[in-house]
PDB file of all heavy atoms in Angstrom:
ATOM      1  N   LYS A   1       5.617  -1.182 -11.558  1.00  0.00           N
ATOM      2  CA  LYS A   1       6.830  -1.047 -12.383  1.00  0.00           C
ATOM      3  C   LYS A   1       7.240   0.354 -12.648  1.00  0.00           C
ATOM      4  O   LYS A   1       8.413   0.703 -12.662  1.00  0.00           O
ATOM      5  CB  LYS A   1       6.706  -1.858 -13.692  1.00  0.00           C
ATOM      6  CG  LYS A   1       6.723  -3.320 -13.500  1.00  0.00           C
ATOM      7  CD  LYS A   1       6.685  -3.994 -14.902  1.00  0.00           C
ATOM      8  CE  LYS A   1       6.841  -5.502 -14.742  1.00  0.00           C
ATOM      9  NZ  LYS A   1       6.843  -6.169 -16.068  1.00  0.00           N
ATOM     10  N   ASN A   2       6.228   1.244 -12.758  1.00  0.00           N
ATOM     11  CA  ASN A   2       6.591   2.637 -13.240  1.00  0.00           C
ATOM     12  C   ASN A   2       6.311   3.722 -12.271  1.00  0.00           C
ATOM     13  O   ASN A   2       6.647   4.818 -12.575  1.00  0.00           O
ATOM     14  CB  ASN A   2       5.720   2.860 -14.537  1.00  0.00           C
ATOM     15  CG  ASN A   2       6.006   1.845 -15.606  1.00  0.00           C
ATOM     16  OD1 ASN A   2       7.230   1.649 -15.951  1.00  0.00           O
ATOM     17  ND2 ASN A   2       4.996   1.244 -16.122  1.00  0.00           N
ATOM     18  N   THR A   3       5.772   3.423 -11.132  1.00  0.00           N
ATOM     19  CA  THR A   3       5.463   4.514 -10.185  1.00  0.00           C
ATOM     20  C   THR A   3       6.714   5.337  -9.762  1.00  0.00           C
ATOM     21  O   THR A   3       7.783   4.709  -9.559  1.00  0.00           O
ATOM     22  CB  THR A   3       4.717   3.988  -8.965  1.00  0.00           C
ATOM     23  OG1 THR A   3       4.339   5.112  -8.106  1.00  0.00           O
ATOM     24  CG2 THR A   3       5.560   3.049  -8.127  1.00  0.00           C
ATOM     25  N   SER A   4       6.494   6.579  -9.575  1.00  0.00           N
ATOM     26  CA  SER A   4       7.619   7.422  -9.025  1.00  0.00           C
ATOM     27  C   SER A   4       7.494   7.497  -7.514  1.00  0.00           C
ATOM     28  O   SER A   4       8.374   8.115  -6.883  1.00  0.00           O
ATOM     29  CB  SER A   4       7.514   8.829  -9.612  1.00  0.00           C
ATOM     30  OG  SER A   4       6.318   9.412  -9.274  1.00  0.00           O
ATOM     31  N   CYS A   5       6.544   6.816  -6.922  1.00  0.00           N
ATOM     32  CA  CYS A   5       6.325   6.853  -5.480  1.00  0.00           C
ATOM     33  C   CYS A   5       7.310   5.941  -4.757  1.00  0.00           C
ATOM     34  O   CYS A   5       7.579   6.225  -3.547  1.00  0.00           O
ATOM     35  CB  CYS A   5       4.861   6.466  -5.142  1.00  0.00           C
ATOM     36  SG  CYS A   5       3.685   7.587  -5.838  1.00  0.00           S
ATOM     37  N   PHE A   6       7.810   4.941  -5.393  1.00  0.00           N
ATOM     38  CA  PHE A   6       8.758   4.019  -4.677  1.00  0.00           C
ATOM     39  C   PHE A   6      10.074   4.652  -4.565  1.00  0.00           C
ATOM     40  O   PHE A   6      10.636   5.286  -5.453  1.00  0.00           O
ATOM     41  CB  PHE A   6       8.866   2.655  -5.487  1.00  0.00           C
ATOM     42  CG  PHE A   6       7.746   1.699  -5.269  1.00  0.00           C
ATOM     43  CD1 PHE A   6       7.376   0.871  -6.237  1.00  0.00           C
ATOM     44  CD2 PHE A   6       7.021   1.665  -4.029  1.00  0.00           C
ATOM     45  CE1 PHE A   6       6.375  -0.039  -6.060  1.00  0.00           C
ATOM     46  CE2 PHE A   6       6.064   0.792  -3.826  1.00  0.00           C
ATOM     47  CZ  PHE A   6       5.668  -0.107  -4.894  1.00  0.00           C
ATOM     48  N   HIS A   7      10.711   4.417  -3.425  1.00  0.00           N
ATOM     49  CA  HIS A   7      12.090   4.786  -3.157  1.00  0.00           C
ATOM     50  C   HIS A   7      12.814   3.543  -2.657  1.00  0.00           C
ATOM     51  O   HIS A   7      12.184   2.610  -2.083  1.00  0.00           O
ATOM     52  CB  HIS A   7      12.131   5.884  -2.139  1.00  0.00           C
ATOM     53  CG  HIS A   7      11.371   7.093  -2.548  1.00  0.00           C
ATOM     54  ND1 HIS A   7      11.750   7.922  -3.614  1.00  0.00           N
ATOM     55  CD2 HIS A   7      10.202   7.604  -2.112  1.00  0.00           C
ATOM     56  CE1 HIS A   7      10.899   8.894  -3.725  1.00  0.00           C
ATOM     57  NE2 HIS A   7       9.907   8.718  -2.853  1.00  0.00           N
ATOM     58  N   GLU A   8      14.119   3.536  -2.771  1.00  0.00           N
ATOM     59  CA  GLU A   8      14.902   2.421  -2.300  1.00  0.00           C
ATOM     60  C   GLU A   8      14.573   2.146  -0.821  1.00  0.00           C
ATOM     61  O   GLU A   8      14.455   3.019  -0.026  1.00  0.00           O
ATOM     62  CB  GLU A   8      16.388   2.700  -2.456  1.00  0.00           C
ATOM     63  CG  GLU A   8      17.288   1.538  -2.172  1.00  0.00           C
ATOM     64  CD  GLU A   8      18.682   1.803  -2.645  1.00  0.00           C
ATOM     65  OE1 GLU A   8      18.915   2.551  -3.596  1.00  0.00           O
ATOM     66  OE2 GLU A   8      19.595   1.213  -1.962  1.00  0.00           O
ATOM     67  N   ASN A   9      14.429   0.815  -0.492  1.00  0.00           N
ATOM     68  CA  ASN A   9      14.127   0.319   0.858  1.00  0.00           C
ATOM     69  C   ASN A   9      12.716   0.585   1.273  1.00  0.00           C
ATOM     70  O   ASN A   9      12.333   0.337   2.418  1.00  0.00           O
ATOM     71  CB  ASN A   9      15.076   0.858   1.884  1.00  0.00           C
ATOM     72  CG  ASN A   9      16.516   0.438   1.614  1.00  0.00           C
ATOM     73  OD1 ASN A   9      16.712  -0.692   1.242  1.00  0.00           O
ATOM     74  ND2 ASN A   9      17.458   1.342   1.748  1.00  0.00           N
ATOM     75  N   ASP A  10      11.819   0.992   0.384  1.00  0.00           N
ATOM     76  CA  ASP A  10      10.401   1.013   0.661  1.00  0.00           C
ATOM     77  C   ASP A  10       9.861  -0.434   0.798  1.00  0.00           C
ATOM     78  O   ASP A  10      10.561  -1.395   0.346  1.00  0.00           O
ATOM     79  CB  ASP A  10       9.559   1.730  -0.452  1.00  0.00           C
ATOM     80  CG  ASP A  10       9.636   3.266  -0.275  1.00  0.00           C
ATOM     81  OD1 ASP A  10      10.072   3.750   0.755  1.00  0.00           O
ATOM     82  OD2 ASP A  10       9.094   3.948  -1.179  1.00  0.00           O
ATOM     83  N   ILE A  11       8.707  -0.572   1.323  1.00  0.00           N
ATOM     84  CA  ILE A  11       8.051  -1.896   1.369  1.00  0.00           C
ATOM     85  C   ILE A  11       6.715  -1.842   0.742  1.00  0.00           C
ATOM     86  O   ILE A  11       6.054  -0.766   0.684  1.00  0.00           O
ATOM     87  CB  ILE A  11       7.926  -2.420   2.891  1.00  0.00           C
ATOM     88  CG1 ILE A  11       6.998  -1.465   3.649  1.00  0.00           C
ATOM     89  CG2 ILE A  11       9.272  -2.603   3.528  1.00  0.00           C
ATOM     90  CD1 ILE A  11       6.631  -2.024   4.986  1.00  0.00           C
ATOM     91  N   LEU A  12       6.274  -2.965   0.207  1.00  0.00           N
ATOM     92  CA  LEU A  12       4.952  -3.125  -0.390  1.00  0.00           C
ATOM     93  C   LEU A  12       4.243  -4.314   0.303  1.00  0.00           C
ATOM     94  O   LEU A  12       4.798  -5.387   0.285  1.00  0.00           O
ATOM     95  CB  LEU A  12       5.049  -3.402  -1.861  1.00  0.00           C
ATOM     96  CG  LEU A  12       3.768  -3.653  -2.641  1.00  0.00           C
ATOM     97  CD1 LEU A  12       2.848  -2.429  -2.643  1.00  0.00           C
ATOM     98  CD2 LEU A  12       3.980  -4.142  -4.043  1.00  0.00           C
ATOM     99  N   ILE A  13       3.149  -4.032   0.891  1.00  0.00           N
ATOM    100  CA  ILE A  13       2.373  -5.056   1.588  1.00  0.00           C
ATOM    101  C   ILE A  13       1.306  -5.556   0.580  1.00  0.00           C
ATOM    102  O   ILE A  13       0.402  -4.744   0.246  1.00  0.00           O
ATOM    103  CB  ILE A  13       1.736  -4.659   2.905  1.00  0.00           C
ATOM    104  CG1 ILE A  13       2.812  -4.047   3.826  1.00  0.00           C
ATOM    105  CG2 ILE A  13       0.893  -5.761   3.507  1.00  0.00           C
ATOM    106  CD1 ILE A  13       2.226  -3.420   5.028  1.00  0.00           C
ATOM    107  N   ASN A  14       1.419  -6.690   0.042  1.00  0.00           N
ATOM    108  CA  ASN A  14       0.542  -7.147  -0.999  1.00  0.00           C
ATOM    109  C   ASN A  14      -0.685  -7.880  -0.403  1.00  0.00           C
ATOM    110  O   ASN A  14      -0.604  -8.476   0.624  1.00  0.00           O
ATOM    111  CB  ASN A  14       1.249  -8.195  -1.928  1.00  0.00           C
ATOM    112  CG  ASN A  14       2.153  -7.547  -2.861  1.00  0.00           C
ATOM    113  OD1 ASN A  14       1.928  -6.472  -3.393  1.00  0.00           O
ATOM    114  ND2 ASN A  14       3.223  -8.197  -3.234  1.00  0.00           N
ATOM    115  N   ASP A  15      -1.749  -7.858  -1.210  1.00  0.00           N
ATOM    116  CA  ASP A  15      -2.905  -8.659  -0.884  1.00  0.00           C
ATOM    117  C   ASP A  15      -2.657 -10.026  -1.517  1.00  0.00           C
ATOM    118  O   ASP A  15      -1.932 -10.183  -2.470  1.00  0.00           O
ATOM    119  CB  ASP A  15      -4.163  -8.010  -1.511  1.00  0.00           C
ATOM    120  CG  ASP A  15      -5.437  -8.406  -0.862  1.00  0.00           C
ATOM    121  OD1 ASP A  15      -5.399  -9.252   0.028  1.00  0.00           O
ATOM    122  OD2 ASP A  15      -6.452  -7.897  -1.220  1.00  0.00           O
ATOM    123  N   MET A  16      -3.340 -11.083  -0.948  1.00  0.00           N
ATOM    124  CA  MET A  16      -3.151 -12.401  -1.477  1.00  0.00           C
ATOM    125  C   MET A  16      -3.547 -12.560  -2.939  1.00  0.00           C
ATOM    126  O   MET A  16      -2.945 -13.367  -3.642  1.00  0.00           O
ATOM    127  CB  MET A  16      -4.001 -13.370  -0.585  1.00  0.00           C
ATOM    128  CG  MET A  16      -3.570 -14.865  -0.764  1.00  0.00           C
ATOM    129  SD  MET A  16      -4.491 -15.970   0.294  1.00  0.00           S
ATOM    130  CE  MET A  16      -4.001 -15.399   1.887  1.00  0.00           C
ATOM    131  N   GLU A  17      -4.501 -11.800  -3.398  1.00  0.00           N
ATOM    132  CA  GLU A  17      -4.892 -11.880  -4.756  1.00  0.00           C
ATOM    133  C   GLU A  17      -3.824 -11.463  -5.743  1.00  0.00           C
ATOM    134  O   GLU A  17      -3.843 -11.721  -6.904  1.00  0.00           O
ATOM    135  CB  GLU A  17      -6.158 -11.075  -5.015  1.00  0.00           C
ATOM    136  CG  GLU A  17      -7.395 -11.596  -4.399  1.00  0.00           C
ATOM    137  CD  GLU A  17      -7.558 -11.295  -2.944  1.00  0.00           C
ATOM    138  OE1 GLU A  17      -6.998 -10.217  -2.492  1.00  0.00           O
ATOM    139  OE2 GLU A  17      -8.205 -12.059  -2.292  1.00  0.00           O
ATOM    140  N   PHE A  18      -2.819 -10.751  -5.281  1.00  0.00           N
ATOM    141  CA  PHE A  18      -1.829 -10.189  -6.132  1.00  0.00           C
ATOM    142  C   PHE A  18      -0.452 -10.918  -5.982  1.00  0.00           C
ATOM    143  O   PHE A  18       0.596 -10.361  -6.144  1.00  0.00           O
ATOM    144  CB  PHE A  18      -1.595  -8.675  -5.907  1.00  0.00           C
ATOM    145  CG  PHE A  18      -2.762  -7.967  -6.279  1.00  0.00           C
ATOM    146  CD1 PHE A  18      -3.667  -7.427  -5.300  1.00  0.00           C
ATOM    147  CD2 PHE A  18      -3.098  -7.729  -7.559  1.00  0.00           C
ATOM    148  CE1 PHE A  18      -4.800  -6.699  -5.642  1.00  0.00           C
ATOM    149  CE2 PHE A  18      -4.270  -6.945  -7.956  1.00  0.00           C
ATOM    150  CZ  PHE A  18      -5.113  -6.503  -6.936  1.00  0.00           C
ATOM    151  N   LEU A  19      -0.522 -12.190  -5.676  1.00  0.00           N
ATOM    152  CA  LEU A  19       0.694 -13.043  -5.533  1.00  0.00           C
ATOM    153  C   LEU A  19       1.391 -13.162  -6.865  1.00  0.00           C
ATOM    154  O   LEU A  19       0.778 -13.495  -7.844  1.00  0.00           O
ATOM    155  CB  LEU A  19       0.338 -14.449  -5.089  1.00  0.00           C
ATOM    156  CG  LEU A  19       0.010 -14.630  -3.591  1.00  0.00           C
ATOM    157  CD1 LEU A  19      -0.490 -16.037  -3.396  1.00  0.00           C
ATOM    158  CD2 LEU A  19       1.239 -14.413  -2.767  1.00  0.00           C
ATOM    159  N   SER A  20       2.652 -12.837  -6.920  1.00  0.00           N
ATOM    160  CA  SER A  20       3.405 -12.915  -8.127  1.00  0.00           C
ATOM    161  C   SER A  20       4.882 -13.017  -7.750  1.00  0.00           C
ATOM    162  O   SER A  20       5.469 -11.993  -7.262  1.00  0.00           O
ATOM    163  CB  SER A  20       3.190 -11.790  -9.032  1.00  0.00           C
ATOM    164  OG  SER A  20       4.102 -11.833 -10.147  1.00  0.00           O
ATOM    165  N   ARG A  21       5.547 -14.161  -7.972  1.00  0.00           N
ATOM    166  CA  ARG A  21       6.982 -14.296  -7.610  1.00  0.00           C
ATOM    167  C   ARG A  21       7.745 -13.420  -8.595  1.00  0.00           C
ATOM    168  O   ARG A  21       8.698 -12.780  -8.169  1.00  0.00           O
ATOM    169  CB  ARG A  21       7.365 -15.764  -7.822  1.00  0.00           C
ATOM    170  CG  ARG A  21       8.843 -16.071  -7.518  1.00  0.00           C
ATOM    171  CD  ARG A  21       9.117 -15.761  -6.042  1.00  0.00           C
ATOM    172  NE  ARG A  21      10.283 -16.531  -5.601  1.00  0.00           N
ATOM    173  CZ  ARG A  21      11.314 -15.977  -4.991  1.00  0.00           C
ATOM    174  NH1 ARG A  21      11.431 -14.709  -4.737  1.00  0.00           N
ATOM    175  NH2 ARG A  21      12.313 -16.785  -4.584  1.00  0.00           N
ATOM    176  N   GLU A  22       7.338 -13.331  -9.811  1.00  0.00           N
ATOM    177  CA  GLU A  22       8.006 -12.475 -10.784  1.00  0.00           C
ATOM    178  C   GLU A  22       7.969 -11.054 -10.392  1.00  0.00           C
ATOM    179  O   GLU A  22       8.996 -10.339 -10.443  1.00  0.00           O
ATOM    180  CB  GLU A  22       7.354 -12.663 -12.217  1.00  0.00           C
ATOM    181  CG  GLU A  22       7.677 -13.995 -12.892  1.00  0.00           C
ATOM    182  CD  GLU A  22       6.793 -15.142 -12.366  1.00  0.00           C
ATOM    183  OE1 GLU A  22       5.863 -14.925 -11.546  1.00  0.00           O
ATOM    184  OE2 GLU A  22       7.052 -16.295 -12.786  1.00  0.00           O
ATOM    185  N   MET A  23       6.831 -10.573  -9.871  1.00  0.00           N
ATOM    186  CA  MET A  23       6.745  -9.164  -9.447  1.00  0.00           C
ATOM    187  C   MET A  23       7.574  -8.903  -8.225  1.00  0.00           C
ATOM    188  O   MET A  23       8.245  -7.908  -8.034  1.00  0.00           O
ATOM    189  CB  MET A  23       5.268  -8.757  -9.222  1.00  0.00           C
ATOM    190  CG  MET A  23       5.098  -7.301  -8.826  1.00  0.00           C
ATOM    191  SD  MET A  23       5.858  -6.113  -9.997  1.00  0.00           S
ATOM    192  CE  MET A  23       4.731  -6.229 -11.356  1.00  0.00           C
ATOM    193  N   ALA A  24       7.599  -9.873  -7.262  1.00  0.00           N
ATOM    194  CA  ALA A  24       8.429  -9.737  -6.053  1.00  0.00           C
ATOM    195  C   ALA A  24       9.920  -9.704  -6.509  1.00  0.00           C
ATOM    196  O   ALA A  24      10.620  -8.823  -5.894  1.00  0.00           O
ATOM    197  CB  ALA A  24       8.180 -10.911  -5.112  1.00  0.00           C
ATOM    198  N   ASN A  25      10.334 -10.474  -7.411  1.00  0.00           N
ATOM    199  CA  ASN A  25      11.681 -10.430  -7.949  1.00  0.00           C
ATOM    200  C   ASN A  25      11.984  -9.072  -8.554  1.00  0.00           C
ATOM    201  O   ASN A  25      13.039  -8.471  -8.296  1.00  0.00           O
ATOM    202  CB  ASN A  25      11.927 -11.535  -8.980  1.00  0.00           C
ATOM    203  CG  ASN A  25      11.928 -12.900  -8.394  1.00  0.00           C
ATOM    204  OD1 ASN A  25      12.116 -13.147  -7.173  1.00  0.00           O
ATOM    205  ND2 ASN A  25      11.641 -13.918  -9.240  1.00  0.00           N
ATOM    206  N   TYR A  26      11.083  -8.640  -9.451  1.00  0.00           N
ATOM    207  CA  TYR A  26      11.268  -7.379 -10.124  1.00  0.00           C
ATOM    208  C   TYR A  26      11.419  -6.208  -9.203  1.00  0.00           C
ATOM    209  O   TYR A  26      12.334  -5.336  -9.246  1.00  0.00           O
ATOM    210  CB  TYR A  26      10.126  -7.075 -11.079  1.00  0.00           C
ATOM    211  CG  TYR A  26      10.260  -5.778 -11.819  1.00  0.00           C
ATOM    212  CD1 TYR A  26      11.005  -5.736 -12.995  1.00  0.00           C
ATOM    213  CD2 TYR A  26       9.644  -4.653 -11.328  1.00  0.00           C
ATOM    214  CE1 TYR A  26      11.156  -4.486 -13.677  1.00  0.00           C
ATOM    215  CE2 TYR A  26       9.730  -3.441 -11.949  1.00  0.00           C
ATOM    216  CZ  TYR A  26      10.495  -3.338 -13.138  1.00  0.00           C
ATOM    217  OH  TYR A  26      10.668  -2.160 -13.729  1.00  0.00           O
ATOM    218  N   LEU A  27      10.521  -6.171  -8.199  1.00  0.00           N
ATOM    219  CA  LEU A  27      10.550  -5.028  -7.233  1.00  0.00           C
ATOM    220  C   LEU A  27      11.835  -5.036  -6.424  1.00  0.00           C
ATOM    221  O   LEU A  27      12.418  -3.935  -6.157  1.00  0.00           O
ATOM    222  CB  LEU A  27       9.287  -5.051  -6.327  1.00  0.00           C
ATOM    223  CG  LEU A  27       7.996  -4.711  -7.037  1.00  0.00           C
ATOM    224  CD1 LEU A  27       6.841  -4.983  -6.073  1.00  0.00           C
ATOM    225  CD2 LEU A  27       7.942  -3.292  -7.537  1.00  0.00           C
ATOM    226  N   LYS A  28      12.258  -6.211  -6.033  1.00  0.00           N
ATOM    227  CA  LYS A  28      13.460  -6.252  -5.186  1.00  0.00           C
ATOM    228  C   LYS A  28      14.686  -5.951  -5.984  1.00  0.00           C
ATOM    229  O   LYS A  28      15.561  -5.175  -5.520  1.00  0.00           O
ATOM    230  CB  LYS A  28      13.635  -7.734  -4.607  1.00  0.00           C
ATOM    231  CG  LYS A  28      14.791  -7.905  -3.774  1.00  0.00           C
ATOM    232  CD  LYS A  28      14.742  -7.249  -2.446  1.00  0.00           C
ATOM    233  CE  LYS A  28      15.910  -7.655  -1.560  1.00  0.00           C
ATOM    234  NZ  LYS A  28      15.854  -7.042  -0.257  1.00  0.00           N
ATOM    235  N   ILE A  29      14.815  -6.513  -7.190  1.00  0.00           N
ATOM    236  CA  ILE A  29      16.030  -6.275  -8.035  1.00  0.00           C
ATOM    237  C   ILE A  29      16.053  -4.910  -8.723  1.00  0.00           C
ATOM    238  O   ILE A  29      16.992  -4.154  -8.623  1.00  0.00           O
ATOM    239  CB  ILE A  29      16.156  -7.442  -9.118  1.00  0.00           C
ATOM    240  CG1 ILE A  29      16.369  -8.783  -8.404  1.00  0.00           C
ATOM    241  CG2 ILE A  29      17.314  -7.121 -10.027  1.00  0.00           C
ATOM    242  CD1 ILE A  29      16.174  -9.909  -9.313  1.00  0.00           C
ATOM    243  N   GLN A  30      14.996  -4.550  -9.404  1.00  0.00           N
ATOM    244  CA  GLN A  30      14.942  -3.302 -10.171  1.00  0.00           C
ATOM    245  C   GLN A  30      14.590  -2.070  -9.362  1.00  0.00           C
ATOM    246  O   GLN A  30      15.227  -1.047  -9.603  1.00  0.00           O
ATOM    247  CB  GLN A  30      13.896  -3.490 -11.324  1.00  0.00           C
ATOM    248  CG  GLN A  30      14.231  -4.611 -12.260  1.00  0.00           C
ATOM    249  CD  GLN A  30      15.557  -4.539 -12.971  1.00  0.00           C
ATOM    250  OE1 GLN A  30      16.005  -3.419 -13.322  1.00  0.00           O
ATOM    251  NE2 GLN A  30      16.250  -5.640 -13.105  1.00  0.00           N
ATOM    252  N   ARG A  31      13.625  -2.213  -8.498  1.00  0.00           N
ATOM    253  CA  ARG A  31      13.118  -1.032  -7.749  1.00  0.00           C
ATOM    254  C   ARG A  31      13.755  -0.942  -6.343  1.00  0.00           C
ATOM    255  O   ARG A  31      13.579   0.067  -5.686  1.00  0.00           O
ATOM    256  CB  ARG A  31      11.652  -1.026  -7.646  1.00  0.00           C
ATOM    257  CG  ARG A  31      10.837  -1.062  -8.952  1.00  0.00           C
ATOM    258  CD  ARG A  31      11.102   0.099  -9.904  1.00  0.00           C
ATOM    259  NE  ARG A  31      10.978   1.423  -9.343  1.00  0.00           N
ATOM    260  CZ  ARG A  31       9.846   2.139  -9.401  1.00  0.00           C
ATOM    261  NH1 ARG A  31       8.783   1.702  -9.999  1.00  0.00           N
ATOM    262  NH2 ARG A  31       9.888   3.329  -8.893  1.00  0.00           N
ATOM    263  N   ARG A  32      14.357  -1.974  -5.859  1.00  0.00           N
ATOM    264  CA  ARG A  32      14.898  -2.092  -4.470  1.00  0.00           C
ATOM    265  C   ARG A  32      13.822  -1.871  -3.453  1.00  0.00           C
ATOM    266  O   ARG A  32      14.031  -1.267  -2.399  1.00  0.00           O
ATOM    267  CB  ARG A  32      16.009  -1.078  -4.265  1.00  0.00           C
ATOM    268  CG  ARG A  32      17.126  -1.053  -5.324  1.00  0.00           C
ATOM    269  CD  ARG A  32      18.347  -1.836  -4.858  1.00  0.00           C
ATOM    270  NE  ARG A  32      19.487  -1.622  -5.750  1.00  0.00           N
ATOM    271  CZ  ARG A  32      19.859  -2.501  -6.644  1.00  0.00           C
ATOM    272  NH1 ARG A  32      19.107  -3.588  -6.876  1.00  0.00           N
ATOM    273  NH2 ARG A  32      20.883  -2.296  -7.399  1.00  0.00           N
ATOM    274  N   VAL A  33      12.653  -2.479  -3.760  1.00  0.00           N
ATOM    275  CA  VAL A  33      11.501  -2.438  -2.823  1.00  0.00           C
ATOM    276  C   VAL A  33      11.234  -3.814  -2.350  1.00  0.00           C
ATOM    277  O   VAL A  33      11.213  -4.805  -3.166  1.00  0.00           O
ATOM    278  CB  VAL A  33      10.304  -1.867  -3.593  1.00  0.00           C
ATOM    279  CG1 VAL A  33       9.002  -2.021  -2.802  1.00  0.00           C
ATOM    280  CG2 VAL A  33      10.499  -0.436  -3.967  1.00  0.00           C
ATOM    281  N   ASN A  34      11.035  -4.000  -1.051  1.00  0.00           N
ATOM    282  CA  ASN A  34      10.757  -5.236  -0.430  1.00  0.00           C
ATOM    283  C   ASN A  34       9.254  -5.507  -0.372  1.00  0.00           C
ATOM    284  O   ASN A  34       8.473  -4.590  -0.119  1.00  0.00           O
ATOM    285  CB  ASN A  34      11.340  -5.373   0.957  1.00  0.00           C
ATOM    286  CG  ASN A  34      12.789  -5.575   0.956  1.00  0.00           C
ATOM    287  OD1 ASN A  34      13.283  -6.486   0.408  1.00  0.00           O
ATOM    288  ND2 ASN A  34      13.584  -4.585   1.517  1.00  0.00           N
ATOM    289  N   THR A  35       8.818  -6.756  -0.660  1.00  0.00           N
ATOM    290  CA  THR A  35       7.444  -7.119  -0.603  1.00  0.00           C
ATOM    291  C   THR A  35       7.138  -7.979   0.575  1.00  0.00           C
ATOM    292  O   THR A  35       7.961  -8.790   1.024  1.00  0.00           O
ATOM    293  CB  THR A  35       7.003  -7.817  -1.961  1.00  0.00           C
ATOM    294  OG1 THR A  35       7.821  -8.949  -2.110  1.00  0.00           O
ATOM    295  CG2 THR A  35       7.088  -6.887  -3.101  1.00  0.00           C
ATOM    296  N   TYR A  36       5.920  -7.874   1.092  1.00  0.00           N
ATOM    297  CA  TYR A  36       5.353  -8.769   2.175  1.00  0.00           C
ATOM    298  C   TYR A  36       4.062  -9.309   1.572  1.00  0.00           C
ATOM    299  O   TYR A  36       3.214  -8.617   1.165  1.00  0.00           O
ATOM    300  CB  TYR A  36       5.062  -7.936   3.362  1.00  0.00           C
ATOM    301  CG  TYR A  36       6.291  -7.462   4.116  1.00  0.00           C
ATOM    302  CD1 TYR A  36       7.105  -6.433   3.648  1.00  0.00           C
ATOM    303  CD2 TYR A  36       6.612  -8.050   5.356  1.00  0.00           C
ATOM    304  CE1 TYR A  36       8.203  -6.030   4.342  1.00  0.00           C
ATOM    305  CE2 TYR A  36       7.720  -7.671   6.037  1.00  0.00           C
ATOM    306  CZ  TYR A  36       8.553  -6.676   5.513  1.00  0.00           C
ATOM    307  OH  TYR A  36       9.678  -6.303   6.198  1.00  0.00           O
ATOM    308  N   ILE A  37       4.027 -10.713   1.512  1.00  0.00           N
ATOM    309  CA  ILE A  37       2.972 -11.411   0.842  1.00  0.00           C
ATOM    310  C   ILE A  37       2.448 -12.558   1.706  1.00  0.00           C
ATOM    311  O   ILE A  37       3.228 -13.337   2.123  1.00  0.00           O
ATOM    312  CB  ILE A  37       3.404 -11.930  -0.522  1.00  0.00           C
ATOM    313  CG1 ILE A  37       4.005 -10.799  -1.387  1.00  0.00           C
ATOM    314  CG2 ILE A  37       2.230 -12.571  -1.295  1.00  0.00           C
ATOM    315  CD1 ILE A  37       4.780 -11.358  -2.582  1.00  0.00           C
ATOM    316  N   PRO A  38       1.148 -12.640   1.923  1.00  0.00           N
ATOM    317  CA  PRO A  38       0.585 -13.815   2.564  1.00  0.00           C
ATOM    318  C   PRO A  38       0.558 -14.968   1.598  1.00  0.00           C
ATOM    319  O   PRO A  38       0.165 -14.829   0.501  1.00  0.00           O
ATOM    320  CB  PRO A  38      -0.789 -13.387   2.992  1.00  0.00           C
ATOM    321  CG  PRO A  38      -1.151 -12.377   1.993  1.00  0.00           C
ATOM    322  CD  PRO A  38       0.085 -11.690   1.605  1.00  0.00           C
ATOM    323  N   ALA A  39       1.011 -16.128   2.003  1.00  0.00           N
ATOM    324  CA  ALA A  39       1.099 -17.297   1.134  1.00  0.00           C
ATOM    325  C   ALA A  39      -0.357 -17.968   1.264  1.00  0.00           C
ATOM    326  O   ALA A  39      -0.950 -18.068   2.289  1.00  0.00           O
ATOM    327  CB  ALA A  39       2.158 -18.321   1.500  1.00  0.00           C
ATOM    328  N   ARG A  40      -0.811 -18.511   0.092  1.00  0.00           N
ATOM    329  CA  ARG A  40      -2.036 -19.254   0.068  1.00  0.00           C
ATOM    330  C   ARG A  40      -1.782 -20.648   0.609  1.00  0.00           C
ATOM    331  O   ARG A  40      -0.680 -21.213   0.506  1.00  0.00           O
ATOM    332  CB  ARG A  40      -2.524 -19.423  -1.353  1.00  0.00           C
ATOM    333  CG  ARG A  40      -3.046 -18.115  -1.935  1.00  0.00           C
ATOM    334  CD  ARG A  40      -3.770 -18.396  -3.246  1.00  0.00           C
ATOM    335  NE  ARG A  40      -4.115 -17.165  -3.880  1.00  0.00           N
ATOM    336  CZ  ARG A  40      -3.666 -16.715  -5.068  1.00  0.00           C
ATOM    337  NH1 ARG A  40      -2.825 -17.419  -5.728  1.00  0.00           N
ATOM    338  NH2 ARG A  40      -4.048 -15.605  -5.531  1.00  0.00           N
ATOM    339  N   GLU A  41      -2.807 -21.270   1.187  1.00  0.00           N
ATOM    340  CA  GLU A  41      -2.710 -22.581   1.786  1.00  0.00           C
ATOM    341  C   GLU A  41      -2.244 -23.628   0.831  1.00  0.00           C
ATOM    342  O   GLU A  41      -1.590 -24.611   1.193  1.00  0.00           O
ATOM    343  CB  GLU A  41      -4.068 -23.025   2.306  1.00  0.00           C
ATOM    344  CG  GLU A  41      -4.523 -22.264   3.589  1.00  0.00           C
ATOM    345  CD  GLU A  41      -5.927 -22.727   4.055  1.00  0.00           C
ATOM    346  OE1 GLU A  41      -6.336 -23.764   3.594  1.00  0.00           O
ATOM    347  OE2 GLU A  41      -6.474 -21.950   4.932  1.00  0.00           O
TER     348      GLU A  41
END
């Protein structure tokens, strides 16, 4: 949420342990960062 490393149109490749729809929403809307997440079975 607070890093200065993100820039608009950056991507974040998440690990499965960090699945969070709320965080994916926040990053896309507030930080303009796209996430890539593997879905659990």
